[in-house]
Amino acid sequence: MSTAPRFTPADTDELPKDMMELGQLLAGLPPQYRMALEPVWDRVVESTRRRRRILTLVQEALSQLRLDMKYLVFDLEATRRERDAYRQNSGDDGQAE
């Protein structure tokens, strides 16, 4: 059973405000400093986006796991009720298993 993700791709690619502010400050630096810092900035941005994507995947997996667990508990309870009803109808009181 698959559900649509709760988080849109735009949400996962958006950077935190402090990083956006830092990026704007880096863009305002003189070219020699900016060129030295841009590769590091790009790695930090990519790392942040990757972490956000991973977090989204983990949240979706946990949500699916919770739903699966609810179905399993429901199925277990239904199976127990069916077993108990069968035992009661067959006259078996559970002494011989």
N, C-alpha and C. Protein backbone atom coordinates (compact mmCIF):
# COMPACT_ATOMS: atom_id res chain seq x y z
N MET A 1 0.85 -1.17 0.00
CA MET A 1 0.00 0.00 0.00
C MET A 1 0.89 1.23 0.00
N SER A 2 0.77 2.03 -1.04
CA SER A 2 1.63 3.19 -1.19
C SER A 2 0.79 4.46 -1.08
N THR A 3 1.36 5.45 -0.42
CA THR A 3 0.67 6.72 -0.28
C THR A 3 1.54 7.81 -0.86
N ALA A 4 0.93 8.92 -1.20
CA ALA A 4 1.68 10.05 -1.73
C ALA A 4 2.54 10.65 -0.63
N PRO A 5 3.74 11.11 -0.97
CA PRO A 5 4.59 11.72 0.05
C PRO A 5 3.95 12.98 0.62
N ARG A 6 4.15 13.17 1.90
CA ARG A 6 3.59 14.34 2.57
C ARG A 6 4.43 15.58 2.30
N PHE A 7 5.64 15.40 1.82
CA PHE A 7 6.54 16.52 1.60
C PHE A 7 6.77 16.67 0.11
N THR A 8 6.64 17.87 -0.39
CA THR A 8 6.84 18.10 -1.82
C THR A 8 8.32 18.29 -2.09
N PRO A 9 8.75 18.05 -3.34
CA PRO A 9 10.16 18.26 -3.67
C PRO A 9 10.63 19.69 -3.39
N ALA A 10 9.75 20.67 -3.54
CA ALA A 10 10.14 22.06 -3.25
C ALA A 10 10.51 22.21 -1.78
N ASP A 11 9.79 21.50 -0.91
CA ASP A 11 10.10 21.56 0.52
C ASP A 11 11.48 20.98 0.80
N THR A 12 11.83 19.90 0.10
CA THR A 12 13.09 19.24 0.39
C THR A 12 14.28 20.00 -0.17
N ASP A 13 14.07 20.83 -1.21
CA ASP A 13 15.18 21.56 -1.80
C ASP A 13 15.37 22.94 -1.19
N GLU A 14 14.42 23.39 -0.40
CA GLU A 14 14.54 24.71 0.21
C GLU A 14 15.59 24.67 1.31
N LEU A 15 16.44 25.67 1.30
CA LEU A 15 17.50 25.74 2.31
C LEU A 15 16.99 26.53 3.51
N PRO A 16 17.55 26.24 4.69
CA PRO A 16 17.19 27.03 5.87
C PRO A 16 17.54 28.51 5.66
N LYS A 17 16.83 29.36 6.37
CA LYS A 17 17.01 30.81 6.19
C LYS A 17 18.43 31.26 6.49
N ASP A 18 19.04 30.67 7.51
CA ASP A 18 20.41 31.09 7.84
C ASP A 18 21.38 30.73 6.73
N MET A 19 21.13 29.60 6.06
CA MET A 19 22.01 29.24 4.94
C MET A 19 21.77 30.16 3.74
N MET A 20 20.52 30.54 3.52
CA MET A 20 20.22 31.47 2.43
C MET A 20 20.91 32.81 2.69
N GLU A 21 20.87 33.24 3.94
CA GLU A 21 21.53 34.50 4.30
C GLU A 21 23.04 34.39 4.10
N LEU A 22 23.61 33.26 4.49
CA LEU A 22 25.04 33.06 4.30
C LEU A 22 25.39 33.06 2.81
N GLY A 23 24.55 32.43 2.00
CA GLY A 23 24.78 32.43 0.55
C GLY A 23 24.76 33.83 -0.03
N GLN A 24 23.85 34.66 0.45
CA GLN A 24 23.80 36.04 -0.02
C GLN A 24 25.05 36.81 0.41
N LEU A 25 25.50 36.55 1.63
CA LEU A 25 26.73 37.21 2.09
C LEU A 25 27.93 36.76 1.27
N LEU A 26 27.98 35.46 0.94
CA LEU A 26 29.08 34.96 0.12
C LEU A 26 29.05 35.59 -1.27
N ALA A 27 27.86 35.79 -1.81
CA ALA A 27 27.74 36.39 -3.14
C ALA A 27 28.24 37.84 -3.14
N GLY A 28 28.20 38.48 -1.99
CA GLY A 28 28.66 39.86 -1.89
C GLY A 28 30.15 40.01 -1.65
N LEU A 29 30.85 38.91 -1.46
CA LEU A 29 32.29 38.98 -1.21
C LEU A 29 33.05 39.32 -2.49
N PRO A 30 34.26 39.86 -2.34
CA PRO A 30 35.12 40.08 -3.52
C PRO A 30 35.39 38.75 -4.23
N PRO A 31 35.59 38.80 -5.53
CA PRO A 31 35.72 37.56 -6.33
C PRO A 31 36.78 36.57 -5.82
N GLN A 32 37.93 37.06 -5.36
CA GLN A 32 38.97 36.12 -4.93
C GLN A 32 38.54 35.31 -3.71
N TYR A 33 37.82 35.94 -2.79
CA TYR A 33 37.34 35.22 -1.61
C TYR A 33 36.15 34.32 -1.96
N ARG A 34 35.27 34.86 -2.80
CA ARG A 34 34.09 34.10 -3.19
C ARG A 34 34.49 32.82 -3.92
N MET A 35 35.48 32.92 -4.82
CA MET A 35 35.92 31.74 -5.57
C MET A 35 36.52 30.69 -4.65
N ALA A 36 37.17 31.14 -3.59
CA ALA A 36 37.77 30.19 -2.64
C ALA A 36 36.69 29.50 -1.81
N LEU A 37 35.61 30.19 -1.52
CA LEU A 37 34.57 29.64 -0.65
C LEU A 37 33.44 28.92 -1.39
N GLU A 38 33.27 29.19 -2.69
CA GLU A 38 32.16 28.59 -3.42
C GLU A 38 32.17 27.06 -3.44
N PRO A 39 33.31 26.40 -3.64
CA PRO A 39 33.28 24.93 -3.62
C PRO A 39 32.82 24.37 -2.27
N VAL A 40 33.27 24.99 -1.20
CA VAL A 40 32.86 24.55 0.14
C VAL A 40 31.36 24.81 0.31
N TRP A 41 30.91 25.97 -0.12
CA TRP A 41 29.49 26.32 -0.02
C TRP A 41 28.63 25.31 -0.80
N ASP A 42 29.08 24.97 -2.00
CA ASP A 42 28.32 24.02 -2.82
C ASP A 42 28.23 22.65 -2.13
N ARG A 43 29.31 22.22 -1.50
CA ARG A 43 29.28 20.93 -0.79
C ARG A 43 28.33 20.98 0.41
N VAL A 44 28.34 22.10 1.13
CA VAL A 44 27.44 22.25 2.28
C VAL A 44 25.98 22.25 1.82
N VAL A 45 25.70 22.96 0.74
CA VAL A 45 24.33 23.00 0.21
C VAL A 45 23.88 21.61 -0.22
N GLU A 46 24.72 20.91 -0.95
CA GLU A 46 24.36 19.57 -1.41
C GLU A 46 24.18 18.62 -0.22
N SER A 47 25.04 18.73 0.76
CA SER A 47 24.92 17.89 1.95
C SER A 47 23.62 18.17 2.69
N THR A 48 23.26 19.43 2.80
CA THR A 48 22.02 19.81 3.48
C THR A 48 20.81 19.26 2.73
N ARG A 49 20.82 19.39 1.43
CA ARG A 49 19.70 18.86 0.62
C ARG A 49 19.63 17.34 0.71
N ARG A 50 20.78 16.70 0.70
CA ARG A 50 20.80 15.23 0.80
C ARG A 50 20.25 14.79 2.16
N ARG A 51 20.66 15.46 3.22
CA ARG A 51 20.15 15.12 4.55
C ARG A 51 18.64 15.32 4.63
N ARG A 52 18.17 16.39 4.04
CA ARG A 52 16.73 16.66 4.06
C ARG A 52 15.97 15.58 3.28
N ARG A 53 16.51 15.15 2.14
CA ARG A 53 15.87 14.07 1.37
C ARG A 53 15.86 12.77 2.17
N ILE A 54 16.97 12.48 2.82
CA ILE A 54 17.05 11.26 3.64
C ILE A 54 16.06 11.33 4.78
N LEU A 55 15.98 12.47 5.44
CA LEU A 55 15.03 12.64 6.54
C LEU A 55 13.60 12.43 6.05
N THR A 56 13.28 12.96 4.89
CA THR A 56 11.94 12.79 4.32
C THR A 56 11.66 11.31 4.05
N LEU A 57 12.64 10.61 3.48
CA LEU A 57 12.46 9.18 3.22
C LEU A 57 12.27 8.40 4.51
N VAL A 58 13.03 8.72 5.53
CA VAL A 58 12.91 8.03 6.82
C VAL A 58 11.54 8.31 7.44
N GLN A 59 11.08 9.55 7.37
CA GLN A 59 9.77 9.89 7.92
C GLN A 59 8.66 9.13 7.20
N GLU A 60 8.76 9.04 5.88
CA GLU A 60 7.76 8.30 5.11
C GLU A 60 7.81 6.81 5.44
N ALA A 61 9.02 6.27 5.59
CA ALA A 61 9.15 4.85 5.94
C ALA A 61 8.57 4.57 7.32
N LEU A 62 8.81 5.46 8.27
CA LEU A 62 8.24 5.28 9.61
C LEU A 62 6.72 5.37 9.59
N SER A 63 6.21 6.27 8.79
CA SER A 63 4.76 6.40 8.67
C SER A 63 4.17 5.12 8.09
N GLN A 64 4.81 4.58 7.07
CA GLN A 64 4.33 3.33 6.47
C GLN A 64 4.45 2.18 7.46
N LEU A 65 5.52 2.15 8.23
CA LEU A 65 5.70 1.10 9.23
C LEU A 65 4.61 1.17 10.29
N ARG A 66 4.27 2.36 10.73
CA ARG A 66 3.18 2.51 11.72
C ARG A 66 1.87 1.98 11.16
N LEU A 67 1.58 2.30 9.92
CA LEU A 67 0.36 1.82 9.28
C LEU A 67 0.38 0.30 9.16
N ASP A 68 1.51 -0.25 8.73
CA ASP A 68 1.63 -1.71 8.62
C ASP A 68 1.44 -2.38 9.97
N MET A 69 1.99 -1.78 11.02
CA MET A 69 1.83 -2.35 12.36
C MET A 69 0.36 -2.34 12.78
N LYS A 70 -0.36 -1.28 12.46
CA LYS A 70 -1.78 -1.23 12.80
C LYS A 70 -2.53 -2.35 12.09
N TYR A 71 -2.21 -2.58 10.80
CA TYR A 71 -2.85 -3.66 10.07
C TYR A 71 -2.50 -5.01 10.68
N LEU A 72 -1.25 -5.20 11.07
CA LEU A 72 -0.84 -6.47 11.66
C LEU A 72 -1.54 -6.72 12.99
N VAL A 73 -1.65 -5.70 13.82
CA VAL A 73 -2.35 -5.85 15.10
C VAL A 73 -3.82 -6.17 14.86
N PHE A 74 -4.43 -5.47 13.91
CA PHE A 74 -5.83 -5.75 13.59
C PHE A 74 -5.98 -7.20 13.11
N ASP A 75 -5.09 -7.64 12.24
CA ASP A 75 -5.16 -9.00 11.72
C ASP A 75 -4.95 -10.02 12.83
N LEU A 76 -4.03 -9.76 13.73
CA LEU A 76 -3.79 -10.67 14.85
C LEU A 76 -5.02 -10.77 15.74
N GLU A 77 -5.62 -9.63 16.05
CA GLU A 77 -6.83 -9.65 16.89
C GLU A 77 -7.97 -10.39 16.20
N ALA A 78 -8.13 -10.18 14.89
CA ALA A 78 -9.18 -10.88 14.15
C ALA A 78 -8.92 -12.38 14.13
N THR A 79 -7.66 -12.76 13.96
CA THR A 79 -7.31 -14.19 13.95
C THR A 79 -7.60 -14.81 15.31
N ARG A 80 -7.28 -14.11 16.37
CA ARG A 80 -7.57 -14.63 17.72
C ARG A 80 -9.08 -14.77 17.94
N ARG A 81 -9.84 -13.77 17.49
CA ARG A 81 -11.30 -13.87 17.63
C ARG A 81 -11.84 -15.06 16.84
N GLU A 82 -11.33 -15.25 15.63
CA GLU A 82 -11.77 -16.39 14.82
C GLU A 82 -11.41 -17.71 15.49
N ARG A 83 -10.21 -17.78 16.05
CA ARG A 83 -9.79 -19.00 16.74
C ARG A 83 -10.68 -19.28 17.94
N ASP A 84 -10.95 -18.25 18.72
CA ASP A 84 -11.80 -18.42 19.90
C ASP A 84 -13.22 -18.82 19.51
N ALA A 85 -13.74 -18.22 18.44
CA ALA A 85 -15.08 -18.58 17.98
C ALA A 85 -15.10 -20.01 17.48
N TYR A 86 -14.07 -20.42 16.77
CA TYR A 86 -13.99 -21.80 16.28
C TYR A 86 -13.96 -22.78 17.45
N ARG A 87 -13.14 -22.48 18.44
CA ARG A 87 -13.05 -23.36 19.61
C ARG A 87 -14.40 -23.45 20.33
N GLN A 88 -15.06 -22.33 20.46
CA GLN A 88 -16.35 -22.31 21.15
C GLN A 88 -17.40 -23.09 20.35
N ASN A 89 -17.40 -22.95 19.04
CA ASN A 89 -18.38 -23.64 18.21
C ASN A 89 -18.10 -25.13 18.08
N SER A 90 -16.84 -25.51 18.14
CA SER A 90 -16.51 -26.92 17.97
C SER A 90 -16.60 -27.68 19.29
N GLY A 91 -16.82 -26.99 20.37
CA GLY A 91 -16.93 -27.64 21.67
C GLY A 91 -15.59 -27.94 22.30
N ASP A 92 -14.53 -27.53 21.67
CA ASP A 92 -13.18 -27.76 22.21
C ASP A 92 -12.87 -26.63 23.18
N ASP A 93 -12.49 -26.99 24.38
CA ASP A 93 -12.19 -25.95 25.36
C ASP A 93 -10.70 -25.62 25.41
N GLY A 94 -9.95 -26.09 24.43
CA GLY A 94 -8.55 -25.72 24.34
C GLY A 94 -7.63 -26.62 25.13
N GLN A 95 -8.13 -27.76 25.63
CA GLN A 95 -7.27 -28.64 26.43
C GLN A 95 -6.30 -29.42 25.55
N ALA A 96 -6.72 -29.81 24.36
CA ALA A 96 -5.84 -30.57 23.47
C ALA A 96 -5.45 -29.69 22.30
N GLU A 97 -4.17 -29.39 22.21
CA GLU A 97 -3.69 -28.56 21.10
C GLU A 97 -2.60 -29.27 20.38
